[in-house]
N, C-alpha and C. Protein backbone atom coordinates (compact mmCIF):
# COMPACT_ATOMS: atom_id res chain seq x y z
N UNK A 1 93.02 131.65 140.40
CA UNK A 1 94.21 131.72 139.45
C UNK A 1 95.43 131.28 140.14
N UNK A 2 96.29 130.64 139.04
CA UNK A 2 97.43 129.88 139.34
C UNK A 2 98.29 130.73 138.28
N UNK A 3 99.29 131.19 139.09
CA UNK A 3 100.49 131.99 138.49
C UNK A 3 101.74 130.94 138.40
N UNK A 4 102.10 130.87 137.19
CA UNK A 4 103.47 129.82 136.80
C UNK A 4 104.41 130.39 136.00
N UNK A 5 105.47 129.91 136.15
CA UNK A 5 106.83 130.36 135.09
C UNK A 5 106.92 129.55 133.95
N UNK A 6 107.45 130.10 132.76
CA UNK A 6 107.68 129.20 131.78
C UNK A 6 108.52 128.00 131.92
N UNK A 7 108.46 127.10 130.91
CA UNK A 7 109.23 125.85 131.09
C UNK A 7 109.41 125.27 129.56
N UNK A 8 110.61 124.55 129.37
CA UNK A 8 111.08 124.34 128.28
C UNK A 8 111.68 122.81 128.46
N UNK A 9 111.53 121.87 127.59
CA UNK A 9 112.16 120.44 127.55
C UNK A 9 112.16 120.07 126.13
N UNK A 10 113.14 118.99 125.96
CA UNK A 10 113.32 118.44 124.59
C UNK A 10 112.51 117.04 124.74
N UNK A 11 111.94 116.91 123.79
CA UNK A 11 110.85 115.54 123.94
C UNK A 11 111.53 114.53 123.11
N UNK A 12 112.38 114.82 122.22
CA UNK A 12 112.95 113.54 121.52
C UNK A 12 113.94 112.89 122.13
N UNK A 13 114.36 111.67 121.79
CA UNK A 13 115.62 111.06 122.37
C UNK A 13 116.63 111.80 121.31
N UNK A 14 117.56 112.46 121.88
CA UNK A 14 118.75 113.16 121.14
C UNK A 14 120.07 112.53 121.45
N UNK A 15 120.43 111.98 120.15
CA UNK A 15 121.78 111.41 120.43
C UNK A 15 122.68 112.35 119.49
N UNK A 16 123.38 113.21 119.83
CA UNK A 16 124.06 114.08 119.12
C UNK A 16 125.19 113.56 118.15
N UNK A 17 125.91 112.66 118.54
CA UNK A 17 126.97 111.89 117.78
C UNK A 17 126.26 111.26 116.78
N UNK A 18 125.14 110.60 116.92
CA UNK A 18 124.57 109.93 115.88
C UNK A 18 123.91 111.02 114.67
N UNK A 19 123.40 112.07 115.24
CA UNK A 19 122.90 113.32 114.33
C UNK A 19 123.99 113.69 113.47
N UNK A 20 125.17 114.03 114.00
CA UNK A 20 126.31 114.59 113.44
C UNK A 20 126.66 113.36 112.25
N UNK A 21 126.69 112.13 112.57
CA UNK A 21 127.20 111.22 111.58
C UNK A 21 126.18 111.41 110.48
N UNK A 22 124.97 111.20 110.76
CA UNK A 22 123.70 111.38 109.65
C UNK A 22 123.91 112.58 108.93
N UNK A 23 124.17 113.69 109.43
CA UNK A 23 124.18 114.73 108.68
C UNK A 23 125.56 114.58 107.65
N UNK A 24 126.63 114.01 108.20
CA UNK A 24 127.89 113.78 107.41
C UNK A 24 127.53 113.23 106.36
N UNK A 25 126.89 111.71 106.71
CA UNK A 25 126.33 110.88 105.58
C UNK A 25 125.62 111.53 104.42
N UNK A 26 124.79 112.34 104.91
CA UNK A 26 123.78 112.95 103.76
C UNK A 26 124.58 113.98 103.17
N UNK A 27 125.28 114.96 103.85
CA UNK A 27 126.16 115.84 103.07
C UNK A 27 127.31 115.40 102.29
N UNK A 28 127.83 114.33 102.53
CA UNK A 28 128.97 113.89 101.59
C UNK A 28 128.43 113.18 100.28
N UNK A 29 127.13 113.14 100.39
CA UNK A 29 126.42 112.77 99.10
C UNK A 29 126.84 113.82 97.74
N UNK A 30 126.91 115.02 98.35
CA UNK A 30 127.03 116.07 97.22
C UNK A 30 128.49 116.18 96.77
N UNK A 31 129.52 115.56 97.42
CA UNK A 31 130.94 115.54 97.32
C UNK A 31 131.02 114.25 96.53
N UNK A 32 130.35 113.14 96.93
CA UNK A 32 130.75 111.84 96.66
C UNK A 32 132.02 111.47 97.51
N UNK A 33 132.12 111.85 98.58
CA UNK A 33 133.39 111.74 99.48
C UNK A 33 133.01 110.71 100.75
N UNK A 34 132.08 109.85 100.50
CA UNK A 34 131.81 108.93 101.47
C UNK A 34 133.04 108.17 102.08
N UNK A 35 133.94 107.96 101.12
CA UNK A 35 135.08 107.20 101.66
C UNK A 35 135.95 107.81 102.54
N UNK A 36 135.89 109.01 102.80
CA UNK A 36 136.35 109.74 103.67
C UNK A 36 136.03 109.91 105.24
N UNK A 37 134.78 109.07 105.30
CA UNK A 37 134.04 109.08 106.63
C UNK A 37 135.04 108.21 107.61
N UNK A 38 135.14 108.58 108.55
CA UNK A 38 135.89 107.92 109.66
C UNK A 38 135.13 108.07 111.05
N UNK A 39 135.53 107.34 112.10
CA UNK A 39 134.82 107.39 113.34
C UNK A 39 134.68 108.63 113.87
N UNK A 40 135.75 109.50 113.64
CA UNK A 40 135.57 110.92 114.06
C UNK A 40 135.48 112.18 113.22
N UNK A 41 135.30 111.82 112.02
CA UNK A 41 135.36 112.88 110.94
C UNK A 41 133.92 113.78 110.95
N UNK A 42 133.03 113.49 111.78
CA UNK A 42 131.65 114.11 111.31
C UNK A 42 131.81 115.53 111.84
N UNK A 43 132.08 115.77 113.05
CA UNK A 43 132.32 117.17 113.55
C UNK A 43 133.05 117.98 112.72
N UNK A 44 134.02 117.78 112.15
CA UNK A 44 134.75 118.66 111.21
C UNK A 44 134.29 118.83 109.73
N UNK A 45 133.50 117.80 109.56
CA UNK A 45 132.71 118.02 108.19
C UNK A 45 131.46 118.82 108.64
N UNK A 46 130.81 118.71 109.35
CA UNK A 46 129.54 119.65 109.97
C UNK A 46 130.01 120.92 109.91
N UNK A 47 131.26 121.28 110.81
CA UNK A 47 131.65 122.59 110.76
C UNK A 47 131.96 123.24 109.44
N UNK A 48 132.57 122.28 108.61
CA UNK A 48 132.69 122.93 107.22
C UNK A 48 131.53 123.28 106.18
N UNK A 49 130.37 122.47 106.47
CA UNK A 49 129.22 122.79 105.49
C UNK A 49 128.59 123.93 106.27
N UNK A 50 128.75 124.16 107.53
CA UNK A 50 128.19 125.23 108.30
C UNK A 50 128.80 126.57 107.81
N UNK A 51 130.13 126.58 107.81
CA UNK A 51 130.93 127.63 107.29
C UNK A 51 130.55 127.97 105.75
N UNK A 52 130.46 127.02 105.32
CA UNK A 52 130.18 127.33 103.73
C UNK A 52 128.69 127.61 103.33
N UNK A 53 127.71 127.37 104.43
CA UNK A 53 126.40 127.78 104.19
C UNK A 53 125.52 126.88 103.63
N UNK A 54 126.04 125.67 103.65
CA UNK A 54 125.26 124.51 102.94
C UNK A 54 124.19 124.15 103.91
N UNK A 55 123.34 125.08 104.37
CA UNK A 55 122.32 124.76 105.46
C UNK A 55 121.19 123.72 105.04
N UNK A 56 121.01 123.32 103.69
CA UNK A 56 120.02 122.41 103.43
C UNK A 56 120.24 121.05 104.04
N UNK A 57 121.57 120.50 104.35
CA UNK A 57 122.07 119.54 104.67
C UNK A 57 121.43 119.28 106.28
N UNK A 58 121.05 120.40 107.07
CA UNK A 58 120.73 120.29 108.24
C UNK A 58 119.25 120.01 108.45
N UNK A 59 118.44 119.98 107.36
CA UNK A 59 117.05 119.74 107.11
C UNK A 59 116.91 118.36 107.24
N UNK A 60 117.90 117.50 107.24
CA UNK A 60 117.64 115.91 107.33
C UNK A 60 117.71 115.41 108.77
N UNK A 61 117.61 116.37 109.58
CA UNK A 61 117.54 115.91 111.11
C UNK A 61 116.59 116.91 111.96
N UNK A 62 116.04 116.29 112.67
CA UNK A 62 115.01 117.13 113.56
C UNK A 62 114.83 116.77 114.76
N UNK A 63 114.31 117.80 115.67
CA UNK A 63 114.15 117.55 117.14
C UNK A 63 112.70 118.12 117.59
N UNK A 64 112.11 117.40 118.52
CA UNK A 64 110.90 117.94 119.00
C UNK A 64 111.07 118.27 120.47
N UNK A 65 110.54 119.58 120.66
CA UNK A 65 110.60 120.25 122.13
C UNK A 65 109.21 120.39 122.58
N UNK A 66 109.00 120.68 123.86
CA UNK A 66 107.78 121.00 124.35
C UNK A 66 108.20 122.61 125.18
N UNK A 67 107.20 123.18 124.94
CA UNK A 67 107.46 124.98 125.37
C UNK A 67 106.19 125.19 126.32
N UNK A 68 106.20 125.50 127.41
CA UNK A 68 105.25 125.92 128.25
C UNK A 68 105.32 127.60 128.51
N UNK A 69 104.53 128.28 127.94
CA UNK A 69 104.66 129.80 127.65
C UNK A 69 103.26 130.42 127.68
N UNK A 70 103.13 131.71 127.58
CA UNK A 70 101.75 132.25 127.51
C UNK A 70 101.15 132.32 126.01
N UNK A 71 100.08 132.67 125.72
CA UNK A 71 99.52 132.67 124.53
C UNK A 71 100.17 133.60 123.60
N UNK A 72 100.51 134.67 124.03
CA UNK A 72 101.29 135.82 123.20
C UNK A 72 102.34 135.16 122.73
N UNK A 73 103.25 134.57 123.44
CA UNK A 73 104.42 133.85 123.08
C UNK A 73 104.31 132.85 122.00
N UNK A 74 103.10 131.84 122.18
CA UNK A 74 103.02 130.92 121.37
C UNK A 74 102.42 131.31 119.82
N UNK A 75 101.82 132.63 119.93
CA UNK A 75 101.41 133.18 118.54
C UNK A 75 102.92 133.57 117.68
N UNK A 76 103.72 133.82 118.52
CA UNK A 76 104.99 134.14 117.81
C UNK A 76 105.73 132.90 117.39
N UNK A 77 105.69 131.67 118.34
CA UNK A 77 106.26 130.62 117.98
C UNK A 77 105.74 129.84 116.62
N UNK A 78 104.52 129.88 116.60
CA UNK A 78 103.62 129.14 115.42
C UNK A 78 103.95 130.04 114.11
N UNK A 79 104.52 131.20 114.06
CA UNK A 79 104.90 131.90 112.63
C UNK A 79 105.88 131.18 111.93
N UNK A 80 106.80 130.37 112.76
CA UNK A 80 107.75 129.43 112.17
C UNK A 80 107.11 128.48 111.38
N UNK A 81 107.01 128.65 109.80
CA UNK A 81 106.23 127.53 109.28
C UNK A 81 106.83 126.18 109.18
N UNK A 82 107.91 126.26 108.78
CA UNK A 82 108.74 124.86 108.53
C UNK A 82 108.85 124.07 109.84
N UNK A 83 107.55 123.78 110.33
CA UNK A 83 107.54 122.99 111.60
C UNK A 83 106.14 122.36 111.89
N UNK A 84 106.11 121.44 112.87
CA UNK A 84 104.81 120.72 113.23
C UNK A 84 104.46 121.23 114.48
N UNK A 85 103.33 121.27 114.84
CA UNK A 85 102.92 121.76 116.20
C UNK A 85 101.56 121.15 116.70
N UNK A 86 101.34 120.93 117.95
CA UNK A 86 100.47 120.39 118.50
C UNK A 86 100.28 121.48 119.96
N UNK A 87 99.08 122.02 119.90
CA UNK A 87 99.00 122.96 121.20
C UNK A 87 97.78 122.76 121.90
N UNK A 88 97.84 123.07 123.35
CA UNK A 88 96.94 122.89 124.35
C UNK A 88 95.75 123.79 123.78
N UNK A 89 94.55 123.27 123.62
CA UNK A 89 93.51 123.78 122.89
C UNK A 89 92.47 124.27 123.65
N UNK A 90 92.20 125.77 123.77
CA UNK A 90 91.11 126.49 124.62
C UNK A 90 89.69 126.16 124.22
N UNK A 91 89.56 125.44 122.89
CA UNK A 91 88.28 125.09 122.38
C UNK A 91 87.78 123.83 123.08
N UNK A 92 88.61 122.82 123.53
CA UNK A 92 88.41 121.54 124.30
C UNK A 92 88.59 121.63 125.83
N UNK A 93 89.60 122.47 126.26
CA UNK A 93 89.91 122.34 127.64
C UNK A 93 89.11 123.48 128.44
N UNK A 94 88.31 122.83 129.37
CA UNK A 94 87.47 123.64 130.38
C UNK A 94 88.17 123.93 131.56
N UNK A 95 88.74 124.97 131.81
CA UNK A 95 89.54 125.35 132.96
C UNK A 95 88.65 125.57 134.22
N UNK A 96 87.32 125.23 134.17
CA UNK A 96 86.52 125.09 135.62
C UNK A 96 86.64 123.67 136.14
N UNK A 97 87.19 122.85 135.32
CA UNK A 97 87.22 121.32 135.65
C UNK A 97 88.38 121.18 136.69
N UNK A 98 88.23 120.24 137.56
CA UNK A 98 89.16 119.75 138.56
C UNK A 98 90.51 119.34 137.99
N UNK A 99 90.57 118.85 136.89
CA UNK A 99 92.05 118.55 136.48
C UNK A 99 92.95 119.57 136.10
N UNK A 100 92.38 120.91 135.92
CA UNK A 100 92.92 122.10 135.65
C UNK A 100 92.91 122.83 137.02
N UNK A 101 92.68 122.27 138.29
CA UNK A 101 92.54 123.01 139.38
C UNK A 101 91.33 123.94 139.70
N UNK A 102 90.48 123.81 138.77
CA UNK A 102 89.20 124.65 138.65
C UNK A 102 89.61 126.13 138.51
N UNK A 103 90.77 126.41 137.83
CA UNK A 103 91.23 127.78 137.70
C UNK A 103 91.84 127.86 136.36
N UNK A 104 92.04 129.19 135.94
CA UNK A 104 92.91 129.42 134.96
C UNK A 104 94.43 129.61 135.58
N UNK A 105 95.33 129.00 134.56
CA UNK A 105 96.82 129.06 134.76
C UNK A 105 97.39 130.26 133.76
N UNK A 106 98.16 131.26 134.47
CA UNK A 106 98.62 132.19 133.60
C UNK A 106 100.10 132.16 134.00
N UNK A 107 101.07 132.86 132.80
CA UNK A 107 102.57 132.99 132.84
C UNK A 107 102.93 134.12 133.52
N UNK A 108 103.64 134.03 134.58
CA UNK A 108 104.07 135.33 135.45
C UNK A 108 104.76 136.23 134.29
N UNK A 109 104.66 137.50 134.53
CA UNK A 109 105.41 138.37 133.51
C UNK A 109 106.52 138.69 134.15
N UNK A 110 107.69 138.38 133.31
CA UNK A 110 109.14 138.56 133.96
C UNK A 110 109.47 139.97 134.01
N UNK A 111 108.75 140.98 133.56
CA UNK A 111 109.27 142.17 133.39
C UNK A 111 108.85 143.24 134.69
N UNK A 112 107.76 142.61 135.37
CA UNK A 112 107.29 143.24 136.55
C UNK A 112 107.50 142.79 137.73
N UNK A 113 108.27 143.22 138.98
CA UNK A 113 108.61 142.56 140.13
C UNK A 113 107.14 142.49 140.90
N UNK A 114 107.14 141.80 142.03
CA UNK A 114 105.96 141.64 142.71
C UNK A 114 105.54 142.88 143.16
N UNK A 115 106.10 143.70 143.60
CA UNK A 115 105.64 145.02 144.61
C UNK A 115 105.58 146.14 143.39
N UNK A 116 105.52 145.87 141.96
CA UNK A 116 105.34 146.95 140.95
C UNK A 116 103.82 147.30 141.05
N UNK A 117 103.43 148.50 140.68
CA UNK A 117 102.03 148.65 140.56
C UNK A 117 101.35 148.17 139.29
N UNK A 118 102.22 148.00 138.18
CA UNK A 118 101.66 147.45 136.96
C UNK A 118 101.54 145.97 137.41
N UNK A 119 102.35 145.21 138.24
CA UNK A 119 102.18 143.98 138.48
C UNK A 119 100.51 143.69 139.20
N UNK A 120 100.55 144.58 139.99
CA UNK A 120 99.14 144.59 140.73
C UNK A 120 97.92 144.77 139.77
N UNK A 121 98.13 145.71 138.88
CA UNK A 121 97.09 145.85 137.86
C UNK A 121 96.65 144.68 137.01
N UNK A 122 97.95 143.98 136.63
CA UNK A 122 97.88 142.72 136.01
C UNK A 122 97.07 141.75 136.65
N UNK A 123 97.51 141.50 138.13
CA UNK A 123 96.84 140.49 138.73
C UNK A 123 95.33 140.76 139.04
N UNK A 124 94.85 141.86 139.07
CA UNK A 124 93.46 142.32 139.22
C UNK A 124 92.90 142.02 138.06
N UNK A 125 93.30 142.36 136.99
CA UNK A 125 92.89 142.17 135.48
C UNK A 125 92.58 140.64 135.30
N UNK A 126 93.61 139.78 135.62
CA UNK A 126 93.67 138.24 135.47
C UNK A 126 92.38 137.83 136.33
N UNK A 127 92.26 138.39 137.58
CA UNK A 127 91.37 137.78 138.46
C UNK A 127 90.04 138.13 137.96
N UNK A 128 89.54 139.24 137.33
CA UNK A 128 88.62 139.50 136.80
C UNK A 128 88.11 138.77 135.62
N UNK A 129 89.08 138.46 134.72
CA UNK A 129 89.19 137.56 133.48
C UNK A 129 88.60 136.25 133.99
N UNK A 130 89.30 135.61 135.13
CA UNK A 130 88.91 134.38 135.53
C UNK A 130 87.40 134.28 135.97
N UNK A 131 87.12 135.31 136.62
CA UNK A 131 85.64 135.51 137.25
C UNK A 131 84.71 135.22 136.13
N UNK A 132 84.97 136.28 135.08
CA UNK A 132 84.18 136.12 133.72
C UNK A 132 84.16 135.01 133.22
N UNK A 133 85.28 134.38 132.95
CA UNK A 133 85.33 132.81 132.28
C UNK A 133 84.57 132.04 133.14
N UNK A 134 84.46 131.94 134.31
CA UNK A 134 83.90 130.98 135.13
C UNK A 134 82.48 131.08 135.14
N UNK A 135 81.99 132.54 135.12
CA UNK A 135 80.62 132.73 134.99
C UNK A 135 79.90 132.54 133.67
N UNK A 136 80.78 132.50 132.70
CA UNK A 136 80.12 132.29 131.44
C UNK A 136 79.98 130.63 131.32
N UNK A 137 80.75 129.87 131.89
CA UNK A 137 80.77 128.40 131.88
C UNK A 137 79.42 128.06 132.81
N UNK A 138 79.38 128.78 133.94
CA UNK A 138 78.22 128.42 134.71
C UNK A 138 76.74 128.78 133.97
N UNK A 139 76.83 129.60 133.15
CA UNK A 139 75.56 130.08 132.36
C UNK A 139 75.50 129.41 131.31
N UNK A 140 76.21 128.35 131.05
CA UNK A 140 76.14 127.44 129.98
C UNK A 140 76.93 127.53 128.73
N UNK A 141 77.93 128.57 128.81
CA UNK A 141 78.79 128.78 127.56
C UNK A 141 79.64 127.42 127.41
N UNK A 142 80.03 127.09 126.25
CA UNK A 142 81.10 126.01 125.96
C UNK A 142 82.28 126.62 126.18
N UNK A 143 83.33 125.73 126.38
CA UNK A 143 84.74 126.19 126.47
C UNK A 143 85.09 127.10 125.05
N UNK A 144 84.66 126.68 123.95
CA UNK A 144 85.22 127.47 122.85
C UNK A 144 84.34 128.68 122.74
N UNK A 145 83.26 128.85 123.53
CA UNK A 145 82.69 130.18 123.51
C UNK A 145 83.34 131.10 124.55
N UNK A 146 83.35 130.44 125.60
CA UNK A 146 83.95 131.44 126.93
C UNK A 146 85.46 131.63 126.75
N UNK A 147 86.21 131.05 125.71
CA UNK A 147 87.34 131.40 125.63
C UNK A 147 87.79 132.69 125.07
N UNK A 148 86.63 133.32 124.66
CA UNK A 148 86.93 134.85 124.06
C UNK A 148 87.26 135.69 125.00
N UNK A 149 87.26 135.53 126.32
CA UNK A 149 87.71 136.62 127.31
C UNK A 149 89.09 136.13 127.79
N UNK A 150 89.58 135.08 127.60
CA UNK A 150 90.67 134.58 128.17
C UNK A 150 91.96 135.59 127.50
N UNK A 151 93.02 135.73 128.35
CA UNK A 151 94.01 136.64 128.07
C UNK A 151 95.41 136.06 127.30
N UNK A 152 96.15 136.92 126.89
CA UNK A 152 97.43 136.52 126.15
C UNK A 152 98.44 135.90 127.20
N UNK A 153 98.07 136.18 128.63
CA UNK A 153 98.78 135.62 129.44
C UNK A 153 98.30 134.20 129.91
N UNK A 154 97.63 133.63 129.31
CA UNK A 154 97.00 132.25 129.68
C UNK A 154 98.08 131.35 129.28
N UNK A 155 98.23 130.44 130.10
CA UNK A 155 99.59 129.46 130.02
C UNK A 155 99.04 128.51 128.77
N UNK A 156 99.79 128.12 128.06
CA UNK A 156 99.54 127.19 127.04
C UNK A 156 100.68 126.13 126.80
N UNK A 157 100.73 125.07 126.51
CA UNK A 157 101.80 123.91 126.05
C UNK A 157 101.93 123.76 124.45
N UNK A 158 102.98 124.00 123.92
CA UNK A 158 103.44 123.74 122.55
C UNK A 158 104.22 122.60 122.51
N UNK A 159 103.92 121.46 121.73
CA UNK A 159 104.90 120.56 121.24
C UNK A 159 105.13 120.78 119.87
N UNK A 160 106.61 121.19 119.58
CA UNK A 160 107.01 121.53 118.14
C UNK A 160 108.09 120.94 117.76
N UNK A 161 108.07 120.50 116.45
CA UNK A 161 108.96 119.79 115.87
C UNK A 161 109.57 120.45 114.67
N UNK A 162 110.95 120.66 114.52
CA UNK A 162 111.45 121.32 113.55
C UNK A 162 112.73 120.52 113.08
N UNK A 163 113.09 120.91 111.90
CA UNK A 163 114.57 120.24 111.42
C UNK A 163 115.38 121.27 111.95
N UNK A 164 116.82 120.76 111.96
CA UNK A 164 117.83 121.53 112.60
C UNK A 164 117.98 122.90 111.89
N UNK A 165 117.74 122.85 110.54
CA UNK A 165 117.99 124.27 109.93
C UNK A 165 116.97 125.20 110.52
N UNK A 166 115.67 124.85 110.70
CA UNK A 166 114.68 125.64 111.13
C UNK A 166 114.99 126.05 112.51
N UNK A 167 115.44 124.88 113.53
CA UNK A 167 115.70 125.39 114.71
C UNK A 167 116.79 126.54 114.63
N UNK A 168 117.79 126.57 113.90
CA UNK A 168 118.99 127.46 113.88
C UNK A 168 118.22 128.91 113.66
N UNK A 169 117.32 128.80 112.63
CA UNK A 169 116.58 130.19 112.37
C UNK A 169 115.71 130.68 113.71
N UNK A 170 115.02 129.70 114.16
CA UNK A 170 114.40 129.99 115.46
C UNK A 170 115.16 130.62 116.47
N UNK A 171 116.38 129.93 116.79
CA UNK A 171 117.28 130.48 117.76
C UNK A 171 117.64 131.82 117.56
N UNK A 172 118.29 131.89 116.34
CA UNK A 172 118.91 133.18 115.91
C UNK A 172 117.92 134.47 115.87
N UNK A 173 116.77 134.05 115.74
CA UNK A 173 115.62 135.38 116.05
C UNK A 173 115.29 135.43 117.36
N UNK A 174 114.79 134.41 117.98
CA UNK A 174 114.15 134.41 119.27
C UNK A 174 114.99 134.34 120.55
N UNK A 175 116.37 134.28 120.37
CA UNK A 175 117.37 134.60 121.56
C UNK A 175 117.90 136.01 121.35
N UNK A 176 117.72 136.78 120.52
CA UNK A 176 118.18 138.14 120.20
C UNK A 176 117.60 139.02 121.30
N UNK A 177 118.30 140.03 121.43
CA UNK A 177 117.95 141.06 122.62
C UNK A 177 116.84 141.84 122.13
N UNK A 178 116.56 141.94 120.75
CA UNK A 178 115.40 142.60 120.18
C UNK A 178 114.18 141.82 120.23
N UNK A 179 114.24 140.36 120.59
CA UNK A 179 112.85 139.57 120.77
C UNK A 179 112.23 139.89 122.23
N UNK A 180 110.93 139.49 122.23
CA UNK A 180 110.10 139.70 123.25
C UNK A 180 110.78 139.26 124.55
N UNK A 181 110.82 139.77 125.82
CA UNK A 181 111.50 139.36 126.86
C UNK A 181 110.94 137.98 127.27
N UNK A 182 109.55 137.59 127.11
CA UNK A 182 109.01 136.27 127.66
C UNK A 182 109.37 135.27 126.53
N UNK A 183 109.56 135.81 125.25
CA UNK A 183 110.01 134.71 124.26
C UNK A 183 111.67 134.43 124.61
N UNK A 184 112.35 135.16 124.87
CA UNK A 184 113.74 134.98 125.19
C UNK A 184 113.89 134.08 126.54
N UNK A 185 112.65 134.19 127.41
CA UNK A 185 112.58 133.40 128.63
C UNK A 185 112.77 131.90 128.02
N UNK A 186 112.01 131.66 127.11
CA UNK A 186 112.10 130.16 126.90
C UNK A 186 113.12 129.76 125.78
N UNK A 187 113.49 130.62 124.80
CA UNK A 187 114.27 130.40 123.78
C UNK A 187 115.84 130.37 124.18
N UNK A 188 116.18 131.12 125.14
CA UNK A 188 117.48 130.93 125.66
C UNK A 188 117.83 129.67 126.39
N UNK A 189 117.16 129.24 127.28
CA UNK A 189 117.39 127.88 127.89
C UNK A 189 117.23 126.63 127.04
N UNK A 190 116.43 127.00 125.93
CA UNK A 190 116.10 125.92 125.12
C UNK A 190 117.41 125.70 124.02
N UNK A 191 117.91 126.86 123.69
CA UNK A 191 119.13 126.83 123.07
C UNK A 191 120.36 126.21 123.89
N UNK A 192 120.39 126.60 125.10
CA UNK A 192 121.35 126.04 125.77
C UNK A 192 121.31 124.44 126.06
N UNK A 193 120.01 123.93 126.12
CA UNK A 193 119.78 122.30 125.93
C UNK A 193 120.14 121.87 124.75
N UNK A 194 119.93 122.42 123.41
CA UNK A 194 120.19 121.88 122.36
C UNK A 194 121.97 121.83 122.12
N UNK A 195 122.47 122.85 122.46
CA UNK A 195 123.78 123.09 122.54
C UNK A 195 124.43 121.96 123.32
N UNK A 196 124.10 121.55 124.46
CA UNK A 196 124.59 120.64 125.61
C UNK A 196 124.30 119.21 124.73
N UNK A 197 123.30 118.85 124.04
CA UNK A 197 123.00 117.59 123.34
C UNK A 197 123.54 117.42 121.94
N UNK A 198 123.65 118.55 121.26
CA UNK A 198 124.14 118.34 119.71
C UNK A 198 125.39 119.06 119.63
N UNK A 199 126.29 118.51 119.30
CA UNK A 199 127.82 119.37 119.11
C UNK A 199 127.63 120.24 117.76
N UNK A 200 128.33 121.34 117.76
CA UNK A 200 128.78 121.98 116.55
C UNK A 200 127.55 122.77 115.87
N UNK A 201 126.34 122.18 115.63
CA UNK A 201 125.20 122.64 115.06
C UNK A 201 125.00 123.94 115.23
N UNK A 202 124.73 124.51 116.78
CA UNK A 202 124.59 125.61 117.20
C UNK A 202 125.61 126.37 118.17
N UNK A 203 126.80 126.19 117.81
CA UNK A 203 127.86 126.68 118.51
C UNK A 203 128.14 128.29 118.04
N UNK A 204 127.46 128.50 116.87
CA UNK A 204 127.71 129.92 116.54
C UNK A 204 126.63 130.71 116.75
N UNK A 205 125.67 130.26 117.53
CA UNK A 205 124.52 131.10 117.93
C UNK A 205 124.62 131.40 119.27
N UNK A 206 124.77 132.85 119.75
CA UNK A 206 124.81 133.03 120.97
C UNK A 206 123.76 134.15 121.53
N UNK A 207 123.03 133.91 122.48
CA UNK A 207 122.14 134.91 123.09
C UNK A 207 122.86 136.24 123.36
N UNK A 208 122.19 137.23 122.86
CA UNK A 208 122.66 138.60 123.06
C UNK A 208 122.36 139.09 124.54
């Protein structure tokens, strides 16, 4: 059993200035004000349409990210329908094979410290599940059959592509203090990455 932490990364080549200019070019179509475009007008224009709630303009640009999380969190992520997903498949991945370290990998629960009795129960349960999964494969079960015993804690990777409007919706919901702690573990640092790379678009979204 391998215990790991969640990870996030942006997979797209993101040029924030280019994105803002493209948003401005698309958005000014509504006003036929393309003649007002200058070398530094994009930020103010994007702020204006954001303030007015003209969010459909943000659908013209998208970003792809990779999230390493547990299966429970991934089930919440894919509830965002205006997106494209490719996810590590337990139908085809045989975790008894060497490329997986011949073990299952699970995401460390952020809410229980190492010396907590609940953490110990969790570790014991995962160890039993791993033993059961390995035994099923040994007995001739296929990965898609043996996966029925795998836990929500199982590590998975999700490549996700959303337009900027949907990313705004994602971050608004998933960085909230009411979101699941393990969801916040991936959503908050990912939001910080987006803010660093793309000016203005996410400035009004702050993790609680």
